[in-house]
Protein backbone atom coordinates (compact mmCIF):
# COMPACT_ATOMS: atom_id res chain seq x y z
CA MET A 1 0.00 0.00 0.00
CA PHE A 2 2.79 2.45 0.94
CA SER A 3 6.15 2.77 -0.77
CA LYS A 4 9.13 1.23 1.03
CA ALA A 5 10.35 4.77 1.81
CA CYS A 6 7.02 5.60 3.41
CA GLU A 7 6.96 2.36 5.43
CA HIS A 8 10.46 3.11 6.75
CA GLY A 9 9.51 6.72 7.44
CA ILE A 10 6.45 5.76 9.46
CA LYS A 11 8.41 3.25 11.54
CA ALA A 12 11.21 5.76 12.08
CA ILE A 13 8.80 8.47 13.24
CA ILE A 14 7.03 6.12 15.64
CA TYR A 15 10.37 5.09 17.15
CA ILE A 16 11.52 8.72 17.44
CA ALA A 17 8.22 9.65 19.07
CA THR A 18 8.46 6.88 21.68
CA GLN A 19 11.96 8.02 22.56
CA SER A 20 10.87 11.66 22.66
CA LEU A 21 8.13 10.73 25.14
CA GLN A 22 10.97 9.61 27.43
CA GLY A 23 12.94 12.82 26.82
CA ASN A 24 15.51 11.17 24.55
CA ARG A 25 17.01 12.44 21.31
CA VAL A 26 18.06 9.61 18.99
CA LYS A 27 20.81 9.18 16.39
CA ILE A 28 20.19 7.88 12.87
CA GLY A 29 21.87 4.57 13.68
CA ASP A 30 19.55 3.98 16.62
CA VAL A 31 16.53 4.81 14.49
CA ALA A 32 17.67 2.43 11.75
CA ILE A 33 18.32 -0.45 14.15
CA ASN A 34 15.10 -0.02 16.11
CA SER A 35 12.87 0.46 13.08
CA GLY A 36 14.48 -2.29 10.99
CA SER A 37 15.51 0.10 8.22
CA PRO A 38 18.83 0.45 6.35
CA GLY A 39 20.93 3.33 7.75
CA ALA A 40 21.47 5.32 4.54
CA PHE A 41 17.83 4.90 3.59
CA THR A 42 16.75 6.04 7.04
CA ALA A 43 18.92 9.16 6.75
CA LYS A 44 17.35 10.07 3.40
CA VAL A 45 13.79 9.57 4.66
CA LEU A 46 14.46 11.53 7.86
CA GLY A 47 15.91 14.35 5.75
CA THR A 48 12.61 14.55 3.87
CA LEU A 49 10.59 14.48 7.09
CA THR A 50 12.79 17.19 8.62
CA LYS A 51 12.16 19.44 5.59
CA HIS A 52 8.42 19.00 6.18
CA ASN A 53 8.78 19.88 9.90
CA ILE A 54 7.54 16.48 10.96
CA VAL A 55 10.66 15.68 12.97
CA ASN A 56 13.33 17.93 14.52
CA SER A 57 16.97 17.45 13.57
CA TYR A 58 19.96 18.63 15.60
CA THR A 59 23.64 18.51 14.66
CA GLY A 60 26.71 18.08 16.80
CA PRO A 61 27.73 15.66 19.55
CA THR A 62 24.34 15.91 21.29
CA GLY A 63 22.48 15.94 17.98
CA GLY A 64 19.92 13.56 16.64
CA PHE A 65 16.19 13.55 16.11
CA ASP A 66 13.22 14.22 18.35
CA MET A 67 9.64 15.43 18.34
CA SER A 68 7.82 17.76 20.68
CA MET A 69 4.60 16.68 22.33
CA LYS A 70 2.80 19.29 20.24
CA GLN A 71 4.19 17.77 17.04
CA MET A 72 3.25 14.25 18.10
CA ARG A 73 -0.34 15.28 18.79
CA GLN A 74 -0.74 17.48 15.69
CA ILE A 75 1.04 15.40 13.06
CA LYS A 76 -1.20 12.79 11.55
CA MET A 77 -0.10 9.75 9.64
CA SER A 78 -1.49 11.40 6.51
CA ASP A 79 1.14 14.15 6.91
CA ILE A 80 3.94 11.58 6.86
CA VAL A 81 2.48 9.71 3.89
CA TYR A 82 2.03 12.95 1.95
CA ALA A 83 5.58 14.15 2.73
CA ILE A 84 7.10 10.95 1.37
CA ASP A 85 4.64 9.54 -1.20
CA GLY A 86 2.51 12.53 -2.12
CA ASP A 87 -1.18 11.91 -2.64
CA ASN A 88 -0.90 8.83 -4.89
CA ILE A 89 -2.49 6.58 -2.29
CA TYR A 90 -5.68 8.65 -2.55
CA ASN A 91 -5.71 9.06 -6.31
CA GLY A 92 -3.95 6.09 -7.91
CA CYS A 93 -5.56 3.11 -9.54
CA GLY A 94 -5.99 0.06 -7.32
CA LEU A 95 -4.44 -2.09 -10.06
CA GLY A 96 -1.72 0.43 -10.87
CA LEU A 97 -3.10 1.26 -14.32
CA SER A 98 -2.10 4.70 -15.58
CA GLU A 99 -5.19 5.16 -17.75
CA CYS A 100 -7.78 4.26 -15.12
CA ASN A 101 -10.30 7.07 -14.43
CA ASN A 102 -14.03 7.66 -13.98
CA GLU A 103 -14.61 7.62 -17.76
CA GLN A 104 -12.49 4.50 -18.39
CA PRO A 105 -12.47 2.59 -15.08
CA CYS A 106 -10.54 -0.57 -14.36
CA PRO A 107 -12.47 -3.57 -12.96
CA MET A 108 -11.56 -2.51 -9.38
CA HIS A 109 -12.23 1.22 -9.79
CA ASP A 110 -15.55 1.60 -7.96
CA LYS A 111 -14.61 -0.76 -5.13
CA PHE A 112 -11.22 0.89 -4.67
CA ILE A 113 -12.83 4.33 -4.25
CA LYS A 114 -14.38 3.07 -1.01
CA VAL A 115 -11.07 1.58 0.15
CA ARG A 116 -9.20 4.85 -0.54
CA LYS A 117 -11.81 6.80 1.40
CA GLY A 118 -11.37 4.49 4.40
CA ILE A 119 -7.58 4.73 4.20
CA LYS A 120 -7.72 8.52 4.03
CA GLU A 121 -10.02 8.67 7.04
CA MET A 122 -7.78 6.37 9.07
CA LEU A 123 -4.59 8.28 8.18
CA THR A 124 -6.09 11.71 8.88
CA LYS A 125 -7.49 10.64 12.26
CA THR A 126 -4.40 8.81 13.56
CA SER A 127 -1.72 10.93 15.21
CA VAL A 128 1.91 10.04 15.77
CA TYR A 129 1.13 10.25 19.48
CA ASP A 130 -1.57 7.56 19.17
CA LEU A 131 0.87 5.14 17.59
CA ALA A 132 3.75 5.99 19.91
CA LEU A 133 1.57 5.20 22.92
CA GLY A 134 0.74 1.79 21.48
CA LEU A 135 4.41 0.99 21.00
CA GLN A 136 5.40 2.37 24.39
CA SER A 137 2.75 0.31 26.17
CA GLY A 138 3.87 -2.88 24.42
CA LYS A 139 0.56 -3.33 22.59
CA THR A 140 2.28 -2.89 19.22
CA VAL A 141 5.70 -3.63 17.70
CA LEU A 142 7.88 -2.13 14.94
CA ILE A 143 10.10 -5.11 14.15
CA ARG A 144 9.29 -8.81 13.88
């Protein structure tokens, strides 16, 4: 459903948020290890998320990444998806056909409209804070 970059970005943000809840700033290596993402890929994705003000980046010996409580509560999963993947998840064809539209629909077109609407609703209602709490409480996991 999401690109690999977006999957890694979501996992990285959730890990950063859980650490920020404990007052910790984390390095790229820690994020990569604890989110199961390659280091260089994690750095690239976090650069994108920093540019979109989704995560804070600090340089120097005490540098790393963190999020404020305000950011965690305000930033929705839809913000992360949009920063990395754009709005393709809401507009693309369910079968990946480039010519699919309302005038020339693919066999899945009408059914996929409902799915996209549900995905959009879920992503716009779910905050980073919501997901970080699930991970922090042990109810959810990032790596299997």
